[in-house]
Protein backbone atom coordinates (compact mmCIF):
# COMPACT_ATOMS: atom_id res chain seq x y z
CA GLN A 1 -33.80 -32.26 22.36
CA VAL A 2 -34.21 -28.77 20.92
CA GLN A 3 -32.38 -25.64 21.56
CA LEU A 4 -33.95 -22.29 21.15
CA VAL A 5 -32.07 -19.32 20.15
CA GLU A 6 -33.73 -15.88 20.03
CA SER A 7 -32.44 -12.65 18.17
CA GLY A 8 -33.53 -9.60 16.89
CA GLY A 9 -34.15 -7.52 20.38
CA GLY A 10 -32.50 -4.27 20.83
CA LEU A 11 -33.40 -0.39 21.56
CA VAL A 12 -36.13 1.29 19.89
CA GLN A 13 -38.14 4.25 19.95
CA ALA A 14 -41.71 4.22 20.76
CA GLY A 15 -43.70 3.87 17.72
CA GLY A 16 -41.09 1.73 16.08
CA SER A 17 -40.63 -1.68 15.19
CA LEU A 18 -38.75 -5.00 15.61
CA ARG A 19 -38.54 -8.14 14.75
CA LEU A 20 -37.52 -11.04 16.79
CA SER A 21 -36.44 -14.24 15.37
CA CYS A 22 -36.16 -17.94 17.32
CA SER A 23 -34.06 -20.37 15.67
CA ALA A 24 -34.10 -23.85 16.56
CA SER A 25 -31.40 -26.36 16.54
CA GLY A 26 -33.60 -29.23 15.30
CA SER A 27 -36.65 -29.43 13.53
CA ILE A 28 -39.62 -27.24 14.79
CA PHE A 29 -42.15 -29.43 12.77
CA SER A 30 -42.60 -31.53 15.76
CA LEU A 31 -43.25 -28.65 18.30
CA ASN A 32 -46.98 -28.48 18.63
CA VAL A 33 -47.06 -25.28 19.84
CA MET A 34 -44.42 -22.41 19.93
CA GLY A 35 -44.61 -19.11 21.51
CA TRP A 36 -43.15 -15.78 22.71
CA TYR A 37 -43.11 -14.82 26.43
CA ARG A 38 -41.74 -11.67 27.91
CA GLN A 39 -40.66 -10.56 31.64
CA ALA A 40 -40.33 -6.94 32.63
CA PRO A 41 -38.33 -6.15 35.78
CA GLY A 42 -40.01 -6.72 39.10
CA LYS A 43 -42.86 -8.79 37.10
CA GLU A 44 -43.71 -12.43 36.21
CA ARG A 45 -43.25 -13.76 32.81
CA GLU A 46 -46.34 -13.33 30.62
CA LEU A 47 -47.54 -14.75 27.47
CA VAL A 48 -47.30 -12.70 24.29
CA ALA A 49 -48.41 -14.82 21.58
CA THR A 50 -48.59 -18.50 20.24
CA ILE A 51 -48.94 -20.47 17.32
CA THR A 52 -49.71 -23.58 16.76
CA SER A 53 -48.09 -26.31 14.23
CA GLY A 54 -51.26 -25.88 12.07
CA GLY A 55 -50.64 -21.93 12.20
CA THR A 56 -53.40 -21.02 14.67
CA THR A 57 -52.49 -17.93 16.75
CA ASN A 58 -53.09 -16.26 19.94
CA PHE A 59 -52.40 -13.16 21.25
CA ALA A 60 -52.17 -11.30 24.60
CA ASP A 61 -54.76 -8.13 24.67
CA SER A 62 -52.10 -5.81 25.15
CA VAL A 63 -50.48 -6.78 21.80
CA LYS A 64 -53.28 -7.66 19.86
CA GLY A 65 -53.36 -5.57 16.24
CA ARG A 66 -49.48 -4.73 17.36
CA PHE A 67 -47.88 -7.75 17.06
CA THR A 68 -47.82 -10.62 14.64
CA ILE A 69 -46.33 -14.30 15.30
CA SER A 70 -45.21 -16.75 12.44
CA ARG A 71 -43.35 -19.66 12.02
CA ASP A 72 -41.20 -20.80 9.02
CA ASN A 73 -41.08 -24.86 9.63
CA ALA A 74 -38.56 -25.19 6.52
CA LYS A 75 -36.17 -22.75 8.20
CA ASN A 76 -36.65 -23.89 11.71
CA THR A 77 -37.44 -20.47 13.03
CA MET A 78 -40.40 -18.38 14.54
CA TYR A 79 -40.73 -14.91 14.41
CA LEU A 80 -42.26 -12.00 16.30
CA GLN A 81 -43.16 -8.83 14.51
CA MET A 82 -43.77 -6.04 16.96
CA ASN A 83 -45.00 -2.58 15.42
CA SER A 84 -46.29 0.61 17.29
CA LEU A 85 -44.18 -0.29 20.17
CA LYS A 86 -44.84 1.12 23.57
CA HIS A 87 -42.61 1.69 26.62
CA GLU A 88 -44.66 -1.02 28.44
CA ASP A 89 -43.35 -3.48 25.86
CA THR A 90 -39.93 -3.23 27.40
CA ALA A 91 -38.93 -6.83 28.59
CA VAL A 92 -36.84 -9.76 27.86
CA TYR A 93 -38.48 -11.76 25.20
CA TYR A 94 -38.30 -15.57 25.25
CA CYS A 95 -39.17 -18.21 22.93
CA SER A 96 -40.77 -21.57 23.87
CA GLY A 97 -41.47 -24.74 21.75
CA THR A 98 -43.64 -27.51 23.30
CA ARG A 99 -43.50 -31.09 22.12
CA ILE A 100 -46.08 -33.55 23.89
CA PHE A 101 -44.89 -32.88 27.74
CA THR A 102 -41.75 -31.12 27.27
CA THR A 103 -41.22 -27.51 26.80
CA TYR A 104 -38.11 -25.78 25.71
CA TRP A 105 -37.03 -22.20 26.41
CA GLY A 106 -34.37 -19.90 24.74
CA GLN A 107 -32.34 -17.72 26.63
CA GLY A 108 -34.17 -14.45 26.21
CA THR A 109 -33.32 -11.33 24.06
CA GLN A 110 -33.81 -8.12 25.53
CA VAL A 111 -36.07 -5.28 24.04
CA THR A 112 -36.13 -1.78 25.35
CA VAL A 113 -38.46 0.92 24.07
CA PHE A 114 -37.74 4.63 25.03
CA SER A 115 -39.77 7.44 24.91
């Protein structure tokens, strides 16, 4: 069992930056894929970015060039660096980790971007 806890969300002005962290209760080394998802009010949860255990990354078109994803297996932590934030990035951000057939989710952290 792996428990994931997000942190780093908050209120930021458009154009600003935030770094989200996802800390795991256990080792993330066995999590083949980790990712960040977000859900805005009235919308479905959507993929933001993923990173494999080998370091391969994937990003939604809407965040390419602005967000970076990384993971530190030694610290059991994954990060999402968000730059040039836009109002439309406002959402609850969730981290996830998948091991074989099981996906774990965090409780989410709110990111609000104001103009």
